[in-house]
Amino acid sequence: MLKEYQADFHVHTVLSPCGDIIMTPQKYH
């Protein structure tokens, strides 16, 4: 799960460095 989180987080960081960084951790927590 940690690898998926880091991969998804990296993709979201590239796509939208403002919105998805905030949204992504909530999705996994």
N, C-alpha and C. Protein backbone atom coordinates (compact mmCIF):
# COMPACT_ATOMS: atom_id res chain seq x y z
N MET A 1 0.84 -1.21 0.00
CA MET A 1 0.00 0.00 0.00
C MET A 1 0.87 1.25 0.00
N LEU A 2 2.00 1.18 0.66
CA LEU A 2 2.87 2.34 0.74
C LEU A 2 3.42 2.69 -0.64
N LYS A 3 3.75 1.66 -1.42
CA LYS A 3 4.26 1.91 -2.77
C LYS A 3 3.19 2.55 -3.64
N GLU A 4 1.96 2.09 -3.49
CA GLU A 4 0.86 2.66 -4.27
C GLU A 4 0.64 4.11 -3.87
N TYR A 5 0.78 4.39 -2.58
CA TYR A 5 0.59 5.75 -2.08
C TYR A 5 1.65 6.68 -2.65
N GLN A 6 2.90 6.23 -2.62
CA GLN A 6 3.99 7.07 -3.12
C GLN A 6 3.86 7.29 -4.63
N ALA A 7 3.46 6.25 -5.35
CA ALA A 7 3.31 6.37 -6.79
C ALA A 7 2.17 7.32 -7.13
N ASP A 8 1.04 7.15 -6.44
CA ASP A 8 -0.12 8.00 -6.69
C ASP A 8 0.16 9.43 -6.27
N PHE A 9 0.85 9.58 -5.16
CA PHE A 9 1.21 10.90 -4.67
C PHE A 9 2.12 11.61 -5.66
N HIS A 10 3.07 10.87 -6.24
CA HIS A 10 4.00 11.44 -7.20
C HIS A 10 3.26 11.90 -8.45
N VAL A 11 2.34 11.09 -8.93
CA VAL A 11 1.57 11.43 -10.12
C VAL A 11 0.73 12.68 -9.86
N HIS A 12 0.08 12.72 -8.70
CA HIS A 12 -0.75 13.88 -8.37
C HIS A 12 0.11 15.12 -8.19
N THR A 13 1.33 14.94 -7.68
CA THR A 13 2.23 16.07 -7.51
C THR A 13 2.58 16.69 -8.86
N VAL A 14 2.75 15.83 -9.87
CA VAL A 14 3.09 16.31 -11.21
C VAL A 14 1.87 16.97 -11.87
N LEU A 15 0.70 16.37 -11.66
CA LEU A 15 -0.49 16.86 -12.34
C LEU A 15 -1.02 18.13 -11.71
N SER A 16 -1.12 18.13 -10.38
CA SER A 16 -1.71 19.29 -9.70
C SER A 16 -1.06 19.48 -8.34
N PRO A 17 0.04 20.24 -8.28
CA PRO A 17 0.83 20.40 -7.07
C PRO A 17 0.10 21.15 -5.96
N CYS A 18 -1.11 21.63 -6.22
CA CYS A 18 -1.81 22.38 -5.17
C CYS A 18 -2.98 21.58 -4.61
N GLY A 19 -3.83 21.04 -5.48
CA GLY A 19 -5.07 20.40 -5.03
C GLY A 19 -4.87 18.96 -4.60
N ASP A 20 -4.21 18.16 -5.45
CA ASP A 20 -4.20 16.72 -5.23
C ASP A 20 -3.33 16.31 -4.04
N ILE A 21 -2.31 17.12 -3.73
CA ILE A 21 -1.48 16.81 -2.57
C ILE A 21 -2.33 16.83 -1.30
N ILE A 22 -3.29 17.75 -1.27
CA ILE A 22 -4.17 17.86 -0.10
C ILE A 22 -5.22 16.75 -0.12
N MET A 23 -5.72 16.42 -1.31
CA MET A 23 -6.82 15.47 -1.43
C MET A 23 -6.35 14.03 -1.25
N THR A 24 -5.17 13.70 -1.80
CA THR A 24 -4.71 12.32 -1.86
C THR A 24 -4.56 11.65 -0.48
N PRO A 25 -3.89 12.29 0.50
CA PRO A 25 -3.73 11.65 1.81
C PRO A 25 -5.07 11.35 2.48
N GLN A 26 -6.06 12.19 2.29
CA GLN A 26 -7.38 11.98 2.87
C GLN A 26 -8.03 10.73 2.27
N LYS A 27 -7.75 10.49 1.00
CA LYS A 27 -8.33 9.33 0.32
C LYS A 27 -7.81 8.03 0.91
N TYR A 28 -6.57 8.03 1.37
CA TYR A 28 -5.98 6.82 1.93
C TYR A 28 -6.21 6.70 3.42
N HIS A 29 -6.40 7.82 4.09
CA HIS A 29 -6.71 7.78 5.51
C HIS A 29 -8.22 7.63 5.68
